[in-house]
């Protein structure tokens, strides 16, 4: 079923976009919650009439996102975490942890906009991307430190293993004879 979004929806798109979704998802969730309407001639006519206002909203959102990105360029976050003896964190740094730190600095973003490939579980410096709009992405420096305030970057340890090869002296027949004796 094709639908027209009436609101921005993270997994589908932005207001005014035409999306194709499964019938049950549209009828049981999107349409009753007024997130979308079914694509009909009347809905398309309404969309064309509202297209200018939708474009103005998008331009305003993009401008706000660019301003927020400029504000976020100067921001770095220091997270003080408890650390075990092996330099691993007790717990991990998640999107919620970063979101809380951003709120303390007066920046409001959605949790889903903070992009982490996986949770941070080691000390060090990380760059986390925050998606503010379609193509407006702000990088943030996140410093994960020990609760004492020291940044301890765990150095990679390489161990050399020496393997000693001793040549076997003798013939195969003598070795078989030794095995039979045992």
Protein backbone atom coordinates (compact mmCIF):
# COMPACT_ATOMS: atom_id res chain seq x y z
CA UNK A 1 0.00 0.00 0.00
CA UNK A 2 1.26 3.47 -0.78
CA UNK A 3 0.87 6.16 1.85
CA UNK A 4 1.60 9.86 2.24
CA UNK A 5 3.35 10.81 5.47
CA UNK A 6 1.70 13.59 7.45
CA UNK A 7 4.53 13.75 10.01
CA UNK A 8 8.23 13.00 10.01
CA UNK A 9 8.75 9.36 10.89
CA UNK A 10 12.27 8.08 11.49
CA UNK A 11 12.10 4.75 9.70
CA UNK A 12 10.00 5.91 6.72
CA UNK A 13 10.80 9.50 5.82
CA UNK A 14 9.65 13.06 6.20
CA UNK A 15 6.34 14.89 5.95
CA UNK A 16 4.95 14.80 2.42
CA UNK A 17 6.97 11.77 1.32
CA UNK A 18 5.18 8.95 -0.49
CA UNK A 19 6.17 5.54 0.89
CA UNK A 20 5.24 1.97 0.17
CA UNK A 21 4.48 -0.13 3.27
CA UNK A 22 2.66 -3.33 4.08
CA UNK A 23 -1.13 -3.04 4.28
CA UNK A 24 -1.42 -4.13 7.92
CA UNK A 25 1.28 -1.70 9.07
CA UNK A 26 -0.53 1.17 7.35
CA UNK A 27 -4.07 0.26 8.45
CA UNK A 28 -3.30 -0.83 12.00
CA UNK A 29 -0.59 1.63 13.01
CA UNK A 30 0.25 4.55 10.71
CA UNK A 31 -3.25 5.66 9.68
CA UNK A 32 -4.93 5.38 13.14
CA UNK A 33 -2.06 7.34 14.76
CA UNK A 34 -2.40 10.00 12.03
CA UNK A 35 1.19 9.55 10.93
CA UNK A 36 0.10 8.88 7.34
CA UNK A 37 -2.88 8.77 5.02
CA UNK A 38 -3.61 6.37 2.19
CA UNK A 39 -2.46 7.61 -1.22
CA UNK A 40 -5.61 8.60 -3.11
CA UNK A 41 -6.39 11.30 -5.67
CA UNK A 42 -7.85 13.54 -2.99
CA UNK A 43 -4.80 13.05 -0.76
CA UNK A 44 -2.46 13.81 -3.68
CA UNK A 45 -4.41 17.01 -4.48
CA UNK A 46 -4.10 18.07 -0.83
CA UNK A 47 -0.39 17.27 -0.94
CA UNK A 48 0.17 19.47 -4.01
CA UNK A 49 -1.64 22.35 -2.30
CA UNK A 50 0.44 21.96 0.85
CA UNK A 51 3.74 21.38 -0.98
CA UNK A 52 4.90 25.02 -0.59
CA UNK A 53 4.32 25.05 3.15
CA UNK A 54 6.05 21.67 3.49
CA UNK A 55 9.07 23.00 1.57
CA UNK A 56 9.20 26.06 3.85
CA UNK A 57 9.14 23.79 6.92
CA UNK A 58 11.93 21.64 5.48
CA UNK A 59 14.07 24.69 4.68
CA UNK A 60 13.54 26.02 8.21
CA UNK A 61 14.45 22.64 9.76
CA UNK A 62 17.58 22.42 7.62
CA UNK A 63 18.62 25.95 8.60
CA UNK A 64 18.07 25.12 12.29
CA UNK A 65 20.09 21.92 11.85
CA UNK A 66 22.98 23.81 10.26
CA UNK A 67 22.96 26.34 13.12
CA UNK A 68 22.95 23.52 15.67
CA UNK A 69 25.83 21.83 13.84
CA UNK A 70 27.89 25.02 14.06
CA UNK A 71 27.12 25.18 17.78
CA UNK A 72 28.10 21.53 18.22
CA UNK A 73 31.46 21.90 16.42
CA UNK A 74 33.02 23.34 19.57
CA UNK A 75 31.59 20.69 21.88
CA UNK A 76 33.48 17.78 23.32
CA UNK A 77 32.12 15.48 25.98
CA UNK A 78 34.11 13.99 28.82
CA UNK A 79 32.50 10.95 30.41
CA UNK A 80 33.99 9.72 33.68
CA UNK A 81 33.42 6.03 34.11
CA UNK A 82 34.47 3.33 36.56
CA UNK A 83 37.20 1.14 35.16
CA UNK A 84 38.27 -2.42 35.99
CA UNK A 85 41.87 -3.55 36.36
CA UNK A 86 42.04 -4.64 32.72
CA UNK A 87 41.13 -1.10 31.54
CA UNK A 88 37.61 -2.15 30.54
CA UNK A 89 34.61 -0.11 31.64
CA UNK A 90 32.10 -1.33 34.15
CA UNK A 91 29.10 -1.13 31.86
CA UNK A 92 29.38 0.82 28.61
CA UNK A 93 28.75 4.20 27.01
CA UNK A 94 25.45 4.16 25.11
CA UNK A 95 23.40 6.66 23.11
CA UNK A 96 21.51 7.54 26.30
CA UNK A 97 24.77 8.38 28.12
CA UNK A 98 25.82 10.72 25.30
CA UNK A 99 22.31 12.21 25.11
CA UNK A 100 22.39 13.03 28.84
CA UNK A 101 25.81 14.68 28.47
CA UNK A 102 24.54 16.77 25.53
CA UNK A 103 21.48 17.86 27.54
CA UNK A 104 23.79 19.07 30.32
CA UNK A 105 25.44 21.34 27.74
CA UNK A 106 22.07 22.64 26.53
CA UNK A 107 21.75 20.69 23.29
CA UNK A 108 18.52 18.83 22.53
CA UNK A 109 18.65 15.94 20.04
CA UNK A 110 16.82 12.64 19.73
CA UNK A 111 18.38 9.43 20.98
CA UNK A 112 17.90 7.77 17.59
CA UNK A 113 19.94 10.49 15.90
CA UNK A 114 23.10 9.56 17.82
CA UNK A 115 24.97 7.00 15.72
CA UNK A 116 27.08 4.40 17.54
CA UNK A 117 28.17 1.26 15.71
CA UNK A 118 28.43 -0.51 19.05
CA UNK A 119 28.58 0.52 22.68
CA UNK A 120 31.86 2.01 23.87
CA UNK A 121 33.50 -0.33 26.39
CA UNK A 122 37.09 1.00 26.54
CA UNK A 123 38.81 4.18 27.64
CA UNK A 124 39.94 6.67 25.01
CA UNK A 125 38.82 9.27 22.49
CA UNK A 126 35.93 8.53 20.13
CA UNK A 127 34.15 10.47 17.41
CA UNK A 128 30.39 10.04 17.44
CA UNK A 129 28.13 11.30 14.65
CA UNK A 130 24.80 13.00 15.35
CA UNK A 131 22.37 13.19 12.42
CA UNK A 132 20.55 16.51 12.67
CA UNK A 133 18.75 16.43 9.31
CA UNK A 134 18.91 14.55 5.98
CA UNK A 135 22.48 15.44 5.11
CA UNK A 136 23.48 17.52 8.15
CA UNK A 137 25.71 15.43 10.41
CA UNK A 138 27.65 16.81 13.36
CA UNK A 139 30.68 14.95 14.71
CA UNK A 140 31.23 15.07 18.48
CA UNK A 141 34.42 14.17 20.32
CA UNK A 142 33.73 11.89 23.27
CA UNK A 143 36.50 11.37 25.82
CA UNK A 144 35.95 8.35 28.05
CA UNK A 145 38.12 8.74 31.13
CA UNK A 146 38.71 6.97 34.40
CA UNK A 147 36.70 8.32 37.31
CA UNK A 148 40.03 9.74 38.58
CA UNK A 149 40.13 11.90 35.46
CA UNK A 150 42.99 10.17 33.69
CA UNK A 151 42.70 9.08 30.09
CA UNK A 152 44.39 5.73 29.93
CA UNK A 153 44.58 4.49 26.40
CA UNK A 154 45.14 0.78 26.46
CA UNK A 155 48.20 -0.08 24.41
CA UNK A 156 48.04 -3.13 22.26
CA UNK A 157 50.20 -5.87 23.64
CA UNK A 158 52.05 -8.12 21.29
CA UNK A 159 53.70 -11.22 22.58
CA UNK A 160 56.39 -13.08 20.75
CA UNK A 161 56.10 -16.81 20.82
CA UNK A 162 59.19 -18.84 20.12
CA UNK A 163 58.66 -22.27 18.71
CA UNK A 164 61.56 -24.64 18.80
CA UNK A 165 61.61 -27.29 16.13
CA UNK A 166 63.76 -30.33 16.81
CA UNK A 167 64.60 -32.52 13.87
CA UNK A 168 63.63 -36.17 14.10
CA UNK A 169 66.58 -38.45 13.59
CA UNK A 170 66.02 -41.97 12.45
CA UNK A 171 63.97 -43.81 9.94
CA UNK A 172 60.31 -44.51 9.82
CA UNK A 173 60.94 -48.20 10.37
CA UNK A 174 62.85 -47.60 13.58
CA UNK A 175 60.10 -45.34 14.86
CA UNK A 176 57.46 -48.00 14.16
CA UNK A 177 59.60 -50.56 15.96
CA UNK A 178 59.83 -48.27 18.99
CA UNK A 179 56.04 -47.90 19.04
CA UNK A 180 55.51 -51.68 18.95
CA UNK A 181 57.86 -52.15 21.88
CA UNK A 182 55.76 -49.85 24.06
